[in-house]
Protein backbone atom coordinates (compact mmCIF):
# COMPACT_ATOMS: atom_id res chain seq x y z
CA UNK A 1 -15.09 -13.41 13.33
CA UNK A 2 -17.66 -12.09 10.87
CA UNK A 3 -16.87 -8.50 11.85
CA UNK A 4 -13.17 -9.15 11.29
CA UNK A 5 -13.92 -10.28 7.74
CA UNK A 6 -16.12 -7.25 7.08
CA UNK A 7 -13.48 -4.87 8.50
CA UNK A 8 -10.79 -6.61 6.46
CA UNK A 9 -12.73 -6.25 3.22
CA UNK A 10 -13.60 -2.61 3.92
CA UNK A 11 -9.96 -1.89 4.85
CA UNK A 12 -8.75 -3.56 1.66
CA UNK A 13 -10.99 -1.40 -0.55
CA UNK A 14 -10.15 1.76 1.42
CA UNK A 15 -6.44 1.04 1.03
CA UNK A 16 -6.87 0.46 -2.69
CA UNK A 17 -8.83 3.69 -3.07
CA UNK A 18 -6.28 5.64 -1.01
CA UNK A 19 -3.39 4.26 -3.05
CA UNK A 20 -5.13 5.16 -6.32
CA UNK A 21 -5.82 8.66 -4.97
CA UNK A 22 -2.17 9.15 -3.98
CA UNK A 23 -0.99 8.04 -7.42
CA UNK A 24 -3.53 10.34 -9.09
CA UNK A 25 -2.37 13.32 -7.02
CA UNK A 26 1.29 12.55 -7.75
CA UNK A 27 0.64 12.24 -11.49
CA UNK A 28 -1.63 15.27 -11.69
CA UNK A 29 0.29 17.75 -9.54
CA UNK A 30 3.82 16.21 -9.41
CA UNK A 31 4.30 17.58 -5.88
CA UNK A 32 4.56 15.45 -2.79
CA UNK A 33 3.71 18.38 -0.54
CA UNK A 34 0.01 17.97 -1.41
CA UNK A 35 0.06 14.38 -0.21
CA UNK A 36 1.93 15.38 2.93
CA UNK A 37 -0.65 18.09 3.59
CA UNK A 38 -3.56 15.66 3.14
CA UNK A 39 -1.97 13.15 5.54
CA UNK A 40 -1.20 15.90 8.07
CA UNK A 41 -4.81 17.11 7.96
CA UNK A 42 -6.06 13.55 8.49
CA UNK A 43 -3.75 13.05 11.48
CA UNK A 44 -4.76 16.41 12.94
CA UNK A 45 -8.47 15.62 12.63
CA UNK A 46 -7.92 12.23 14.25
CA UNK A 47 -5.97 13.81 17.11
CA UNK A 48 -8.63 16.47 17.68
CA UNK A 49 -11.39 13.86 17.76
CA UNK A 50 -9.38 11.76 20.23
CA UNK A 51 -8.87 14.74 22.52
CA UNK A 52 -12.57 15.65 22.28
CA UNK A 53 -13.58 12.09 23.22
CA UNK A 54 -11.12 12.10 26.12
CA UNK A 55 -12.53 15.38 27.42
CA UNK A 56 -16.07 14.06 27.05
CA UNK A 57 -15.22 10.88 28.98
CA UNK A 58 -13.43 12.80 31.75
CA UNK A 59 -16.31 15.27 32.07
CA UNK A 60 -18.94 12.51 32.40
CA UNK A 61 -17.25 9.18 33.26
CA UNK A 62 -20.47 7.26 33.94
CA UNK A 63 -21.28 7.22 30.21
CA UNK A 64 -18.20 5.10 29.61
CA UNK A 65 -18.18 2.82 26.56
């Protein structure tokens, strides 16, 4: 339960920071394509890391988490 509270608080501050960043980018550049690009890069990095972890687990399954 204590980890859930910590994760919740960290997630709340990260969401607040992300929202402020999105509003700053919209006000500063007035183009939504920058925000779309940032989100696309984040999704691509996440996908690449997921594929890398999958390959690592398939290559050496005895080190399973």
